[in-house]
N, C-alpha and C. Protein backbone atom coordinates (compact mmCIF):
# COMPACT_ATOMS: atom_id res chain seq x y z
N MET A 1 186.78 159.99 -204.56
CA MET A 1 186.30 158.89 -205.52
C MET A 1 185.87 157.95 -204.48
N ILE A 2 184.73 157.30 -204.73
CA ILE A 2 184.28 155.98 -203.68
C ILE A 2 184.31 154.79 -204.49
N GLU A 3 185.22 153.78 -203.82
CA GLU A 3 185.47 152.55 -204.67
C GLU A 3 184.65 151.34 -203.74
N TYR A 4 184.71 150.53 -204.45
CA TYR A 4 183.70 149.43 -203.84
C TYR A 4 184.23 148.19 -204.47
N ASP A 5 184.99 147.16 -203.62
CA ASP A 5 185.35 146.05 -204.29
C ASP A 5 184.90 144.68 -203.80
N GLY A 6 183.79 144.76 -203.70
CA GLY A 6 182.88 143.77 -203.26
C GLY A 6 182.79 143.05 -201.83
N GLN A 7 183.75 143.99 -201.09
CA GLN A 7 183.97 143.84 -199.56
C GLN A 7 184.06 144.97 -198.66
N GLU A 8 184.61 145.71 -199.14
CA GLU A 8 184.88 147.22 -198.57
C GLU A 8 184.52 148.45 -199.26
N ILE A 9 184.05 149.41 -198.83
CA ILE A 9 184.03 150.46 -199.47
C ILE A 9 185.17 151.56 -199.05
N ARG A 10 186.12 152.01 -199.98
CA ARG A 10 187.07 152.94 -199.66
C ARG A 10 187.00 154.08 -200.48
N THR A 11 187.65 155.36 -199.57
CA THR A 11 187.61 156.55 -200.33
C THR A 11 189.05 156.95 -200.06
N ASN A 12 189.55 158.37 -200.75
CA ASN A 12 190.80 158.99 -200.53
C ASN A 12 190.94 159.10 -199.21
N VAL A 13 190.10 159.35 -198.18
CA VAL A 13 190.36 159.32 -196.66
C VAL A 13 190.69 158.51 -196.26
N THR A 14 190.23 157.23 -196.45
CA THR A 14 190.24 156.09 -195.80
C THR A 14 191.71 155.38 -196.16
N ARG A 15 191.96 155.47 -197.50
CA ARG A 15 193.28 155.17 -198.02
C ARG A 15 194.50 155.80 -197.60
N LYS A 16 194.26 157.29 -197.19
CA LYS A 16 195.18 158.08 -196.46
C LYS A 16 195.65 157.87 -195.07
N TYR A 17 194.59 157.38 -194.56
CA TYR A 17 194.73 156.74 -193.12
C TYR A 17 194.88 155.30 -192.89
N SER A 18 195.12 154.64 -193.87
CA SER A 18 195.13 152.98 -193.72
C SER A 18 196.60 152.64 -193.60
N GLY A 19 197.62 153.35 -193.38
CA GLY A 19 198.92 152.95 -193.22
C GLY A 19 199.18 152.36 -191.70
N GLU A 20 200.15 152.91 -191.09
CA GLU A 20 200.87 152.41 -189.70
C GLU A 20 199.35 152.81 -188.71
N GLN A 21 199.45 151.71 -188.17
CA GLN A 21 198.47 152.13 -186.85
C GLN A 21 199.21 151.41 -185.47
N THR A 22 198.47 152.15 -184.56
CA THR A 22 199.23 151.60 -183.01
C THR A 22 198.14 151.23 -182.28
N GLN A 23 198.50 150.02 -181.79
CA GLN A 23 197.38 149.36 -181.08
C GLN A 23 197.29 149.97 -179.78
N THR A 24 196.31 150.67 -179.19
CA THR A 24 196.04 151.41 -177.93
C THR A 24 194.90 150.75 -177.15
N PRO A 25 194.97 150.47 -175.66
CA PRO A 25 194.14 149.92 -174.93
C PRO A 25 193.41 151.24 -174.51
N ILE A 26 191.79 150.38 -174.57
CA ILE A 26 191.09 151.32 -173.61
C ILE A 26 191.19 151.00 -172.12
N VAL A 27 191.45 151.43 -171.14
CA VAL A 27 191.70 151.08 -169.90
C VAL A 27 190.72 151.43 -168.80
N GLY A 28 189.46 151.80 -169.25
CA GLY A 28 188.78 152.02 -168.11
C GLY A 28 188.46 153.76 -168.12
N SER A 29 187.93 154.10 -166.98
CA SER A 29 187.12 155.47 -167.02
C SER A 29 188.39 156.42 -166.29
N ILE A 30 188.18 157.41 -166.24
CA ILE A 30 188.70 158.68 -165.48
C ILE A 30 187.67 159.61 -164.90
N PRO A 31 187.78 160.20 -163.68
CA PRO A 31 187.21 161.08 -163.16
C PRO A 31 187.08 162.38 -163.69
N CYS A 32 186.41 163.00 -164.07
CA CYS A 32 186.54 164.63 -164.57
C CYS A 32 185.57 165.42 -163.24
N GLY A 33 186.15 165.25 -162.25
CA GLY A 33 185.51 165.71 -161.08
C GLY A 33 186.71 165.45 -159.80
N SER A 34 186.12 165.06 -158.66
CA SER A 34 187.22 164.92 -157.59
C SER A 34 187.94 163.65 -158.22
N PRO A 35 189.42 163.68 -157.86
CA PRO A 35 190.08 162.42 -158.20
C PRO A 35 189.52 161.19 -157.43
N GLN A 36 189.46 159.78 -158.13
CA GLN A 36 189.48 158.91 -157.52
C GLN A 36 190.41 157.65 -158.13
N TYR A 37 190.33 156.39 -157.45
CA TYR A 37 191.32 155.46 -157.68
C TYR A 37 190.47 154.52 -158.87
N GLU A 38 191.27 154.17 -159.79
CA GLU A 38 191.20 153.40 -160.79
C GLU A 38 192.00 152.54 -160.84
N GLU A 39 191.77 151.28 -160.96
CA GLU A 39 192.75 150.35 -161.29
C GLU A 39 192.91 149.73 -162.96
N GLU A 40 194.02 149.82 -163.46
CA GLU A 40 194.05 149.57 -164.70
C GLU A 40 193.50 148.38 -165.29
N ASN A 41 192.34 148.69 -166.04
CA ASN A 41 191.63 147.52 -166.49
C ASN A 41 191.56 147.53 -168.07
N ILE A 42 191.84 146.84 -168.85
CA ILE A 42 192.04 146.91 -170.17
C ILE A 42 190.77 146.33 -170.68
N GLU A 43 189.70 147.48 -171.17
CA GLU A 43 188.76 146.76 -171.65
C GLU A 43 188.63 146.05 -173.19
N GLU A 44 189.36 146.87 -173.83
CA GLU A 44 189.65 146.42 -175.34
C GLU A 44 190.93 147.18 -176.07
N TYR A 45 191.26 146.77 -177.45
CA TYR A 45 192.38 147.62 -177.86
C TYR A 45 191.75 148.24 -179.09
N VAL A 46 192.01 149.22 -179.47
CA VAL A 46 191.70 149.96 -180.92
C VAL A 46 192.84 150.46 -181.65
N SER A 47 192.70 150.24 -182.74
CA SER A 47 193.66 150.91 -183.52
C SER A 47 193.82 152.19 -183.96
N LEU A 48 194.89 153.08 -184.05
CA LEU A 48 194.98 154.41 -184.03
C LEU A 48 195.93 154.76 -185.06
N PRO A 49 195.35 155.33 -186.29
CA PRO A 49 196.42 155.69 -187.31
C PRO A 49 197.24 156.50 -186.94
N THR A 50 198.44 156.25 -187.08
CA THR A 50 199.77 157.35 -186.57
C THR A 50 199.63 158.82 -187.67
N ALA A 51 199.14 158.52 -188.85
CA ALA A 51 198.76 159.60 -189.71
C ALA A 51 197.90 160.76 -188.87
N ILE A 52 197.22 160.40 -188.08
CA ILE A 52 196.39 161.45 -187.03
C ILE A 52 196.93 161.43 -185.73
N PHE A 53 197.23 160.14 -185.18
CA PHE A 53 197.88 160.34 -183.66
C PHE A 53 199.11 160.59 -183.81
N GLY A 54 199.88 160.41 -184.55
CA GLY A 54 201.36 160.31 -184.30
C GLY A 54 201.90 159.19 -183.95
N LYS A 55 203.13 159.05 -183.57
CA LYS A 55 204.04 158.12 -182.78
C LYS A 55 203.97 158.29 -181.18
N GLY A 56 203.89 157.03 -180.53
CA GLY A 56 204.03 157.28 -179.20
C GLY A 56 203.39 155.98 -178.56
N ASP A 57 203.56 156.39 -177.13
CA ASP A 57 202.80 154.97 -176.35
C ASP A 57 201.48 155.96 -175.64
N PHE A 58 200.44 155.20 -176.02
CA PHE A 58 199.19 155.88 -175.66
C PHE A 58 198.49 154.90 -175.05
N PHE A 59 197.34 155.74 -174.16
CA PHE A 59 196.18 154.94 -173.84
C PHE A 59 195.06 155.44 -173.79
N ILE A 60 193.59 154.98 -173.85
CA ILE A 60 192.57 155.89 -174.06
C ILE A 60 191.77 155.50 -172.40
N LEU A 61 190.89 156.66 -171.95
CA LEU A 61 190.27 156.50 -171.03
C LEU A 61 189.05 157.03 -171.24
N ARG A 62 187.84 156.57 -170.60
CA ARG A 62 186.42 156.95 -170.66
C ARG A 62 186.21 158.07 -169.59
N ALA A 63 186.08 159.27 -170.08
CA ALA A 63 185.62 160.44 -169.33
C ALA A 63 184.28 160.12 -168.40
N SER A 64 184.46 160.65 -167.37
CA SER A 64 183.30 160.40 -166.22
C SER A 64 183.23 161.40 -165.58
N GLY A 65 181.82 162.35 -165.82
CA GLY A 65 181.52 163.59 -164.77
C GLY A 65 181.69 164.97 -165.78
N GLN A 66 181.44 165.79 -165.36
CA GLN A 66 181.20 167.43 -165.99
C GLN A 66 182.18 167.91 -165.79
N SER A 67 183.52 167.77 -165.09
CA SER A 67 184.38 169.09 -164.68
C SER A 67 185.15 169.49 -165.82
N MET A 68 185.44 168.84 -167.05
CA MET A 68 185.92 169.26 -168.10
C MET A 68 184.99 169.76 -169.54
N ILE A 69 183.61 170.05 -169.02
CA ILE A 69 183.04 170.31 -170.24
C ILE A 69 183.24 171.35 -171.04
N GLU A 70 183.93 172.38 -170.18
CA GLU A 70 184.08 173.88 -171.22
C GLU A 70 185.53 173.64 -172.00
N ALA A 71 185.96 172.37 -171.62
CA ALA A 71 187.46 172.04 -172.70
C ALA A 71 186.73 171.05 -173.89
N GLY A 72 185.48 170.84 -173.67
CA GLY A 72 184.93 169.87 -174.75
C GLY A 72 184.81 168.53 -174.39
N ILE A 73 185.34 168.36 -173.19
CA ILE A 73 185.51 166.82 -172.85
C ILE A 73 183.89 166.27 -171.80
N ASP A 74 183.19 165.83 -172.76
CA ASP A 74 181.89 165.58 -171.80
C ASP A 74 181.93 163.99 -171.46
N ASP A 75 181.10 163.79 -170.40
CA ASP A 75 180.74 162.60 -170.12
C ASP A 75 180.79 161.27 -170.93
N GLY A 76 181.26 160.32 -170.84
CA GLY A 76 181.19 159.33 -172.01
C GLY A 76 182.40 159.40 -173.04
N ASP A 77 182.99 160.49 -173.46
CA ASP A 77 184.08 160.56 -174.42
C ASP A 77 184.84 159.90 -174.06
N LEU A 78 185.82 159.24 -175.21
CA LEU A 78 187.33 158.86 -174.95
C LEU A 78 188.25 159.80 -175.15
N VAL A 79 189.17 159.89 -174.25
CA VAL A 79 190.15 160.52 -174.07
C VAL A 79 191.52 159.89 -174.25
N VAL A 80 192.07 160.17 -175.66
CA VAL A 80 193.28 159.48 -175.96
C VAL A 80 194.54 160.28 -175.45
N VAL A 81 195.53 159.55 -174.46
CA VAL A 81 196.21 160.16 -173.58
C VAL A 81 197.76 159.64 -174.02
N LYS A 82 198.42 160.27 -174.21
CA LYS A 82 200.17 160.32 -174.65
C LYS A 82 200.90 159.84 -173.32
N LYS A 83 201.30 158.89 -173.08
CA LYS A 83 202.18 158.77 -171.66
C LYS A 83 203.67 159.42 -171.75
N GLN A 84 203.27 160.27 -170.69
CA GLN A 84 204.79 161.09 -170.23
C GLN A 84 204.61 161.55 -169.13
N VAL A 85 205.61 161.83 -168.14
CA VAL A 85 205.69 162.25 -166.83
C VAL A 85 205.76 164.20 -166.86
N GLU A 86 206.00 164.42 -167.99
CA GLU A 86 206.03 166.14 -167.77
C GLU A 86 204.90 166.42 -168.54
N ALA A 87 204.23 167.89 -168.04
CA ALA A 87 203.23 168.79 -168.79
C ALA A 87 203.96 169.84 -168.83
N LYS A 88 203.23 170.75 -169.89
CA LYS A 88 203.33 172.11 -169.86
C LYS A 88 202.42 172.74 -169.43
N GLU A 89 202.38 174.30 -169.06
CA GLU A 89 201.32 174.83 -168.57
C GLU A 89 200.42 174.65 -169.12
N GLY A 90 199.07 174.65 -168.86
CA GLY A 90 197.86 174.38 -169.70
C GLY A 90 197.49 173.35 -170.23
N ASP A 91 198.56 171.98 -170.29
CA ASP A 91 198.15 170.96 -170.70
C ASP A 91 196.91 170.33 -169.97
N ILE A 92 196.09 169.24 -170.71
CA ILE A 92 194.86 168.82 -169.87
C ILE A 92 195.76 167.22 -169.67
N VAL A 93 195.85 166.77 -168.42
CA VAL A 93 196.38 165.82 -167.84
C VAL A 93 195.99 164.55 -167.27
N VAL A 94 196.41 163.47 -167.26
CA VAL A 94 195.84 162.65 -166.08
C VAL A 94 196.84 162.66 -165.18
N ALA A 95 196.47 162.87 -163.86
CA ALA A 95 197.17 163.26 -162.76
C ALA A 95 197.08 162.34 -161.66
N LEU A 96 197.93 161.39 -161.23
CA LEU A 96 197.89 160.84 -159.59
C LEU A 96 198.27 161.60 -158.44
N VAL A 97 196.97 161.85 -157.86
CA VAL A 97 197.07 162.74 -156.52
C VAL A 97 196.72 161.73 -155.38
N ASP A 98 197.64 161.30 -154.61
CA ASP A 98 197.40 160.69 -153.02
C ASP A 98 196.73 159.25 -153.71
N ASN A 99 197.34 158.55 -154.84
CA ASN A 99 196.63 157.38 -155.35
C ASN A 99 195.51 157.50 -155.87
N GLN A 100 194.97 158.63 -156.26
CA GLN A 100 193.98 158.61 -157.11
C GLN A 100 194.03 159.35 -158.18
N ASN A 101 193.31 158.85 -159.28
CA ASN A 101 193.63 159.98 -160.80
C ASN A 101 192.37 160.82 -161.23
N THR A 102 192.60 161.76 -161.96
CA THR A 102 191.81 162.73 -162.41
C THR A 102 192.52 163.38 -163.51
N LEU A 103 191.55 163.80 -164.48
CA LEU A 103 191.51 164.61 -165.59
C LEU A 103 191.49 166.08 -165.22
N LYS A 104 192.57 166.86 -165.56
CA LYS A 104 192.40 168.31 -165.18
C LYS A 104 193.31 169.08 -166.03
N ARG A 105 192.97 170.49 -166.19
CA ARG A 105 194.30 171.34 -166.92
C ARG A 105 195.45 171.65 -165.64
N TYR A 106 196.68 171.69 -166.23
CA TYR A 106 197.74 171.45 -165.14
C TYR A 106 198.24 173.10 -165.39
N PHE A 107 198.47 173.40 -164.10
CA PHE A 107 199.34 174.78 -163.91
C PHE A 107 200.25 174.57 -162.71
N ARG A 108 201.39 175.32 -162.77
CA ARG A 108 202.28 175.33 -161.62
C ARG A 108 202.38 177.01 -160.91
N ASP A 109 202.08 177.25 -159.71
CA ASP A 109 202.19 178.01 -158.70
C ASP A 109 203.54 178.10 -158.22
N ASP A 110 204.42 178.52 -159.04
CA ASP A 110 205.79 178.62 -158.42
C ASP A 110 206.22 179.46 -157.30
N GLU A 111 205.68 180.36 -157.12
CA GLU A 111 205.65 181.38 -156.11
C GLU A 111 205.05 180.68 -154.81
N ASN A 112 204.04 179.67 -154.91
CA ASN A 112 203.41 179.25 -153.72
C ASN A 112 204.22 177.82 -153.74
N LYS A 113 204.67 177.21 -154.72
CA LYS A 113 205.26 175.97 -154.79
C LYS A 113 204.23 174.83 -154.95
N LYS A 114 203.05 175.12 -155.62
CA LYS A 114 201.84 174.30 -155.40
C LYS A 114 201.83 174.12 -157.05
N ILE A 115 200.94 172.88 -157.27
CA ILE A 115 200.15 172.46 -158.61
C ILE A 115 198.74 172.95 -158.43
N ILE A 116 198.47 173.45 -159.42
CA ILE A 116 197.05 173.59 -159.68
C ILE A 116 196.32 172.63 -160.97
N LEU A 117 195.73 171.93 -160.35
CA LEU A 117 194.71 171.28 -161.32
C LEU A 117 193.13 171.79 -161.57
N HIS A 118 193.04 172.26 -162.72
CA HIS A 118 191.75 173.25 -162.84
C HIS A 118 190.98 172.51 -163.50
N PRO A 119 189.72 172.20 -163.23
CA PRO A 119 188.51 172.06 -163.94
C PRO A 119 188.15 172.97 -164.93
N GLU A 120 187.46 172.45 -166.12
CA GLU A 120 187.29 173.28 -166.80
C GLU A 120 185.59 173.53 -166.82
N ASN A 121 184.99 173.75 -165.46
CA ASN A 121 183.77 173.84 -165.41
C ASN A 121 183.82 174.96 -164.26
N LYS A 122 182.78 176.17 -164.58
CA LYS A 122 183.15 177.23 -163.72
C LYS A 122 182.41 176.90 -162.26
N LYS A 123 181.61 175.64 -162.33
CA LYS A 123 180.66 175.57 -161.16
C LYS A 123 181.79 174.42 -160.14
N MET A 124 182.99 174.15 -160.40
CA MET A 124 183.99 173.46 -159.78
C MET A 124 185.25 174.40 -159.45
N LYS A 125 185.78 173.86 -158.30
CA LYS A 125 186.90 174.48 -157.68
C LYS A 125 188.11 173.56 -158.00
N ASP A 126 189.11 174.61 -158.49
CA ASP A 126 190.59 174.05 -158.39
C ASP A 126 191.23 173.12 -157.23
N ILE A 127 191.77 172.11 -157.68
CA ILE A 127 192.65 170.98 -157.12
C ILE A 127 194.13 171.67 -156.72
N ILE A 128 194.13 172.02 -155.69
CA ILE A 128 195.47 172.38 -155.37
C ILE A 128 196.42 171.53 -154.45
N VAL A 129 197.68 171.04 -155.10
CA VAL A 129 198.47 169.85 -154.20
C VAL A 129 199.92 170.52 -154.06
N ASP A 130 200.41 169.46 -153.49
CA ASP A 130 202.04 170.29 -153.32
C ASP A 130 202.61 169.53 -154.42
N GLU A 131 202.20 168.46 -154.71
CA GLU A 131 203.25 167.37 -155.75
C GLU A 131 201.74 166.28 -156.06
N CYS A 132 201.94 165.87 -157.47
CA CYS A 132 201.14 164.96 -158.41
C CYS A 132 202.00 164.28 -159.25
N CYS A 133 201.48 163.08 -159.79
CA CYS A 133 202.47 162.45 -160.79
C CYS A 133 201.56 162.39 -161.96
N ILE A 134 202.13 163.13 -163.11
CA ILE A 134 201.69 163.11 -164.12
C ILE A 134 201.89 161.75 -164.98
N GLN A 135 200.52 161.14 -165.34
CA GLN A 135 200.85 159.96 -166.08
C GLN A 135 200.62 160.17 -167.45
N GLY A 136 200.34 161.21 -167.97
CA GLY A 136 200.07 161.52 -169.33
C GLY A 136 199.47 162.80 -169.58
N VAL A 137 199.46 163.12 -171.16
CA VAL A 137 198.87 164.23 -171.55
C VAL A 137 197.79 164.22 -172.39
N ALA A 138 196.66 164.48 -172.44
CA ALA A 138 195.73 164.45 -173.11
C ALA A 138 196.04 164.99 -174.77
N CYS A 139 195.55 164.39 -175.74
CA CYS A 139 196.16 164.73 -177.07
C CYS A 139 195.00 164.87 -177.85
N HIS A 140 193.86 164.04 -177.78
CA HIS A 140 192.89 163.73 -178.93
C HIS A 140 191.57 163.36 -177.74
N ILE A 141 190.38 163.71 -178.36
CA ILE A 141 189.15 163.33 -177.83
C ILE A 141 188.19 162.56 -178.72
N ILE A 142 187.80 161.43 -178.80
CA ILE A 142 187.00 160.61 -179.64
C ILE A 142 185.31 160.77 -178.96
N LYS A 143 184.65 160.96 -179.82
CA LYS A 143 183.07 161.41 -179.13
C LYS A 143 182.18 160.71 -180.31
N GLU A 144 181.06 160.24 -179.77
CA GLU A 144 180.27 159.67 -180.45
C GLU A 144 179.37 160.88 -181.02
N LEU A 145 178.84 160.69 -182.15
CA LEU A 145 177.85 161.44 -182.82
C LEU A 145 176.36 161.23 -182.79
């Protein structure tokens, strides 16, 4: 049912998600390609409903580049990232490599003691490193229609 009170329109969906919100910063862009250095620069804050995004400490980055297109992450998309320092095999992570950050799928090669940061674009090559710092795990993508 759609309701209008003279100021706003509400539906069952908007009522369901109008509860607790988390203020989350948009902190700039992240390369979906070669790692690049990005200083944390808060552009603005947005409210994320915990009913959709869950509880936790989040930040949002704007995707830049083409390396994650086969994972559905396009240039300009907003990537919601949950801050954490560990990742599971196959997670899409924000990784800090040699003081540069990048957004890639995370894999470990335990046999060779390497970390593989895999782009989701067949035209691009893996980034293989001895170590990296996980800054967070991507959990949602916000796209413009």
